C-alpha cells in the first residue's frame, strides 16, 4: 500500500503513535471512497482522524473504533466567498494545532488549497490528492486564474501531490503549479470487490446494457452518453443505456 510506504521515511516508532488525518468536502465521499483505506490503516495501528462537514454518512464513522470524527462547519464547497474561505482556513488551522496529526491527506479543491496552507502554517506534512480539475478549470476566466495562483502557493508546501490520471498531472506540471519531482499518479483508488463484483454471466441474455455512473453535470460526459445512446437506437441495436447518478443542482455545469 503506497500510503504505508510514504509514512516509513518520515517517522520512527510504533504505528499506534502516528496520527493520520483525512480531510474532504463531505463525510459521504470519505466513507464511500476511502473506507477500505481507513480500515486498513486502523488495522495496522494508526490513529485516524476524519475532518469533513456533517451529512447522513457521518454517523457511520462511530462504528469504526480507532477513528475520530471532527465536524467542519466552515466548509462551503460551492461558495466563492473569500471570507468563507478564510474562515475555513482558520477552522482547519485550529483543528490541526489541537490534534497535531503526523500526516494529513487533503481531498477536493478547497481542502487542497486551504487545508494545505493551514498544514504548512502549523508545520505538518500533507499530501494533496487531486481527484479532478473541477468546473473551475473548464473555462478560462478570473476564477481559473485565482485558483491557479492558490494552487501554486498551496502545493509549494505539500510533501507530495497525488493525481488520479496523467492528464491532470500534465496540466499541473505544464502550468507550473507543482514540482514534478513531488508528484505521483495513483492507479485508481481501489474498489471493494466484496461489495462490487460481476454478476453471473447469462448466455441466454440478448440485451446488452451500458451503464454510466456519475453526477448529472456536463463534465461527466452525460450529453455524450445520451448522444451515443441515440445513435445506437437509430441503428436498432438490442442494447439498453442506463444512467446512475444524482442531480447536482448547485453546480454551475448542472444539467
Protein backbone atom coordinates (compact mmCIF):
# COMPACT_ATOMS: atom_id res chain seq x y z
CA UNK A 1 0.00 0.00 0.00
CA UNK A 2 1.53 3.29 -1.11
CA UNK A 3 0.10 5.19 1.85
CA UNK A 4 2.07 2.99 4.23
CA UNK A 5 5.21 3.32 2.10
CA UNK A 6 5.08 7.10 2.23
CA UNK A 7 4.89 7.01 6.03
CA UNK A 8 8.07 4.98 6.51
CA UNK A 9 10.69 7.63 5.65
CA UNK A 10 9.06 10.24 7.89
CA UNK A 11 8.58 8.54 11.22
CA UNK A 12 10.04 6.05 13.65
CA UNK A 13 8.37 4.11 16.41
CA UNK A 14 5.15 2.16 16.61
CA UNK A 15 2.32 2.93 14.12
CA UNK A 16 -0.08 3.49 17.01
CA UNK A 17 1.74 6.70 17.81
CA UNK A 18 1.15 8.06 14.31
CA UNK A 19 -1.94 10.16 13.67
CA UNK A 20 -3.28 10.43 10.13
CA UNK A 21 -5.98 12.91 9.15
CA UNK A 22 -8.21 12.75 6.07
CA UNK A 23 -9.93 15.97 5.03
CA UNK A 24 -12.65 16.33 2.39
CA UNK A 25 -15.75 18.31 1.48
CA UNK A 26 -18.24 15.59 2.54
CA UNK A 27 -18.40 12.71 5.01
CA UNK A 28 -20.09 10.80 2.19
CA UNK A 29 -17.03 10.85 -0.05
CA UNK A 30 -14.69 9.78 2.75
CA UNK A 31 -16.93 6.88 3.73
CA UNK A 32 -17.78 5.72 0.23
CA UNK A 33 -14.38 6.03 -1.43
CA UNK A 34 -11.82 5.76 1.41
CA UNK A 35 -13.41 3.33 3.86
CA UNK A 36 -11.13 0.47 2.82
CA UNK A 37 -8.06 2.69 3.28
CA UNK A 38 -9.29 3.79 6.72
CA UNK A 39 -9.99 0.22 7.84
CA UNK A 40 -6.56 -0.90 6.63
CA UNK A 41 -4.74 1.89 8.46
CA UNK A 42 -6.70 1.27 11.68
CA UNK A 43 -5.92 -2.44 11.36
CA UNK A 44 -2.21 -1.59 11.18
CA UNK A 45 -2.44 0.51 14.34
CA UNK A 46 -2.65 4.09 13.08
CA UNK A 47 -4.91 6.65 14.75
CA UNK A 48 -7.26 8.12 12.14
CA UNK A 49 -8.99 11.49 12.12
CA UNK A 50 -11.68 12.42 9.60
CA UNK A 51 -12.41 16.13 9.13
CA UNK A 52 -15.47 16.84 6.98
CA UNK A 53 -18.87 18.54 7.08
CA UNK A 54 -21.68 16.57 8.71
CA UNK A 55 -24.10 14.67 6.47
CA UNK A 56 -26.12 11.45 6.63
CA UNK A 57 -22.97 9.31 6.41
CA UNK A 58 -21.27 10.92 9.40
CA UNK A 59 -22.92 8.59 11.91
CA UNK A 60 -21.28 5.59 10.22
CA UNK A 61 -17.89 6.73 11.50
CA UNK A 62 -18.98 5.88 15.05
CA UNK A 63 -18.84 2.19 14.10
CA UNK A 64 -15.09 2.40 13.44
CA UNK A 65 -13.01 2.10 16.65
CA UNK A 66 -9.77 3.99 16.17
CA UNK A 67 -11.38 6.79 14.15
CA UNK A 68 -12.12 10.25 15.49
CA UNK A 69 -14.55 12.42 13.53
CA UNK A 70 -14.28 16.23 13.61
CA UNK A 71 -17.05 18.30 12.05
CA UNK A 72 -16.09 21.13 9.70
CA UNK A 73 -18.69 23.87 9.95
CA UNK A 74 -17.00 26.39 7.65
CA UNK A 75 -16.61 24.13 4.61
CA UNK A 76 -18.83 25.51 1.82
CA UNK A 77 -17.78 23.64 -1.30
CA UNK A 78 -19.61 25.75 -3.88
CA UNK A 79 -19.02 29.11 -2.21
CA UNK A 80 -16.85 31.71 -3.94
CA UNK A 81 -16.68 33.98 -0.92
CA UNK A 82 -13.11 34.89 0.20
CA UNK A 83 -14.41 35.49 3.72
CA UNK A 84 -15.83 31.97 3.94
CA UNK A 85 -12.60 30.53 2.58
CA UNK A 86 -10.65 32.46 5.20
CA UNK A 87 -12.98 31.08 7.86
CA UNK A 88 -12.32 27.55 6.56
CA UNK A 89 -8.57 28.13 6.65
CA UNK A 90 -8.77 29.31 10.26
CA UNK A 91 -11.02 26.41 11.24
CA UNK A 92 -8.63 23.85 9.74
CA UNK A 93 -5.59 25.54 11.27
CA UNK A 94 -7.28 25.42 14.67
CA UNK A 95 -8.05 21.72 14.40
CA UNK A 96 -4.55 20.89 13.14
CA UNK A 97 -2.99 22.82 16.02
CA UNK A 98 -5.16 20.97 18.54
CA UNK A 99 -4.82 17.37 17.30
CA UNK A 100 -1.34 17.71 15.70
CA UNK A 101 -1.59 14.86 13.18
CA UNK A 102 1.66 13.46 11.80
CA UNK A 103 0.37 13.43 8.22
CA UNK A 104 -2.69 14.91 6.50
CA UNK A 105 -4.38 13.78 3.28
CA UNK A 106 -6.43 16.51 1.59
CA UNK A 107 -9.14 15.62 -0.94
CA UNK A 108 -11.08 18.02 -3.20
CA UNK A 109 -10.05 21.51 -4.24
CA UNK A 110 -10.82 23.59 -1.16
CA UNK A 111 -9.22 21.07 1.16
CA UNK A 112 -6.17 21.01 -1.12
CA UNK A 113 -5.93 24.78 -1.15
CA UNK A 114 -6.79 25.99 2.33
CA UNK A 115 -6.01 22.76 4.14
CA UNK A 116 -2.51 22.65 2.66
CA UNK A 117 -1.89 26.26 3.66
CA UNK A 118 -3.16 25.59 7.17
CA UNK A 119 -0.98 22.48 7.49
CA UNK A 120 2.06 24.42 6.33
CA UNK A 121 1.36 27.15 8.88
CA UNK A 122 1.24 24.59 11.69
CA UNK A 123 4.25 22.69 10.31
CA UNK A 124 2.52 19.41 9.49
CA UNK A 125 3.40 17.44 6.30
CA UNK A 126 0.45 17.00 3.96
CA UNK A 127 -0.41 15.21 0.74
CA UNK A 128 -2.80 16.84 -1.73
CA UNK A 129 -4.87 14.36 -3.73
CA UNK A 130 -6.26 15.94 -6.88
CA UNK A 131 -9.32 13.83 -7.73
CA UNK A 132 -10.20 16.04 -10.73
CA UNK A 133 -9.88 19.53 -12.10
CA UNK A 134 -13.49 20.53 -11.46
CA UNK A 135 -15.52 23.21 -13.18
CA UNK A 136 -13.07 25.96 -12.21
CA UNK A 137 -10.67 24.76 -14.92
CA UNK A 138 -13.31 24.15 -17.60
CA UNK A 139 -13.42 27.73 -18.87
CA UNK A 140 -10.74 30.39 -18.88
CA UNK A 141 -11.56 33.38 -16.72
CA UNK A 142 -10.81 35.14 -13.48
CA UNK A 143 -11.78 32.17 -11.33
CA UNK A 144 -9.33 29.84 -13.03
CA UNK A 145 -6.57 32.45 -12.69
CA UNK A 146 -7.22 32.83 -8.97
CA UNK A 147 -7.34 29.06 -8.40
CA UNK A 148 -4.05 28.61 -10.26
CA UNK A 149 -2.37 31.16 -8.01
CA UNK A 150 -3.77 29.50 -4.90
CA UNK A 151 -2.80 26.01 -6.08
CA UNK A 152 0.76 27.12 -6.85
CA UNK A 153 1.07 28.60 -3.38
CA UNK A 154 -0.59 25.68 -1.59
CA UNK A 155 1.24 22.84 -3.36
CA UNK A 156 4.58 24.52 -2.76
CA UNK A 157 4.32 23.42 0.86
CA UNK A 158 2.94 19.90 0.32
CA UNK A 159 5.04 16.81 0.85
CA UNK A 160 3.56 15.33 -2.31
CA UNK A 161 0.71 15.88 -4.76
CA UNK A 162 -1.12 12.79 -5.99
CA UNK A 163 -3.26 12.60 -9.12
CA UNK A 164 -5.78 10.03 -10.33
CA UNK A 165 -4.85 10.40 -14.01
CA UNK A 166 -1.91 11.57 -16.10
CA UNK A 167 -3.93 14.29 -17.88
CA UNK A 168 -4.45 16.23 -14.65
CA UNK A 169 -0.80 15.70 -13.71
CA UNK A 170 0.36 17.06 -17.07
CA UNK A 171 -1.93 20.08 -16.71
CA UNK A 172 -0.50 20.95 -13.30
CA UNK A 173 3.11 20.47 -14.36
CA UNK A 174 2.69 22.35 -17.66
CA UNK A 175 1.15 25.30 -15.80
CA UNK A 176 3.98 25.06 -13.26
CA UNK A 177 1.54 24.64 -10.39
CA UNK A 178 3.54 21.84 -8.77
CA UNK A 179 7.08 20.48 -8.72
CA UNK A 180 7.06 17.31 -10.91
CA UNK A 181 9.54 15.67 -8.52
CA UNK A 182 6.86 15.66 -5.79
CA UNK A 183 4.03 14.18 -7.85
CA UNK A 184 2.59 10.69 -8.08
CA UNK A 185 -0.18 9.10 -10.15
CA UNK A 186 -2.42 6.72 -8.22
CA UNK A 187 -3.57 3.83 -10.42
CA UNK A 188 -7.12 4.28 -9.11
CA UNK A 189 -8.31 4.43 -5.50
CA UNK A 190 -9.47 0.84 -5.47
CA UNK A 191 -12.79 -0.98 -5.40
CA UNK A 192 -14.00 -3.25 -2.61
CA UNK A 193 -14.58 -6.47 -4.56
CA UNK A 194 -16.53 -7.90 -1.63
CA UNK A 195 -19.26 -5.36 -2.37
CA UNK A 196 -18.78 -4.72 -6.10
CA UNK A 197 -18.40 -7.81 -8.26
CA UNK A 198 -19.57 -9.02 -11.69
CA UNK A 199 -22.98 -10.63 -11.91
CA UNK A 200 -23.03 -14.23 -13.19
CA UNK A 201 -22.93 -14.35 -16.98
CA UNK A 202 -26.21 -15.35 -18.58
CA UNK A 203 -25.66 -16.81 -22.07
CA UNK A 204 -29.40 -16.50 -22.78
CA UNK A 205 -29.35 -12.74 -22.24
CA UNK A 206 -29.62 -10.91 -25.53
CA UNK A 207 -29.84 -7.29 -24.39
CA UNK A 208 -26.50 -5.58 -23.71
CA UNK A 209 -26.69 -2.88 -21.03
CA UNK A 210 -24.35 0.12 -20.88
CA UNK A 211 -24.25 1.91 -17.52
CA UNK A 212 -22.80 5.38 -16.86
CA UNK A 213 -22.28 6.27 -13.20
CA UNK A 214 -21.75 9.93 -12.40
CA UNK A 215 -23.28 13.18 -11.27
CA UNK A 216 -25.72 14.73 -13.75
CA UNK A 217 -23.36 17.50 -14.88
CA UNK A 218 -21.88 18.30 -18.27
CA UNK A 219 -18.30 17.50 -17.29
CA UNK A 220 -19.13 13.86 -16.60
CA UNK A 221 -19.91 13.13 -20.25
CA UNK A 222 -23.67 12.92 -19.77
CA UNK A 223 -24.51 14.64 -23.06
CA UNK A 224 -22.05 12.47 -25.00
CA UNK A 225 -23.53 9.35 -23.43
CA UNK A 226 -27.04 10.43 -24.42
CA UNK A 227 -25.87 11.15 -27.97
CA UNK A 228 -24.24 7.72 -28.21
CA UNK A 229 -27.44 6.10 -26.93
CA UNK A 230 -29.40 7.90 -29.65
CA UNK A 231 -27.03 6.57 -32.31
CA UNK A 232 -27.42 3.00 -31.04
CA UNK A 233 -31.19 3.39 -31.03
CA UNK A 234 -31.15 4.66 -34.62
CA UNK A 235 -29.21 1.56 -35.60
CA UNK A 236 -31.91 -0.55 -33.93
CA UNK A 237 -29.37 -2.48 -31.87
CA UNK A 238 -30.59 -4.61 -28.98
CA UNK A 239 -28.99 -2.51 -26.24
CA UNK A 240 -30.07 -0.57 -23.19
CA UNK A 241 -28.36 2.57 -21.88
CA UNK A 242 -28.73 3.48 -18.22
CA UNK A 243 -27.61 6.44 -16.16
CA UNK A 244 -26.96 6.25 -12.41
CA UNK A 245 -26.27 9.47 -10.55
CA UNK A 246 -27.77 12.43 -8.75
CA UNK A 247 -28.68 15.96 -9.80
CA UNK A 248 -26.02 18.37 -8.54
CA UNK A 249 -28.31 21.40 -8.69
CA UNK A 250 -25.81 23.82 -7.16
CA UNK A 251 -23.10 23.01 -9.69
CA UNK A 252 -22.55 25.68 -12.41
CA UNK A 253 -22.47 22.96 -15.09
CA UNK A 254 -25.50 21.05 -13.79
CA UNK A 255 -27.87 19.54 -16.36
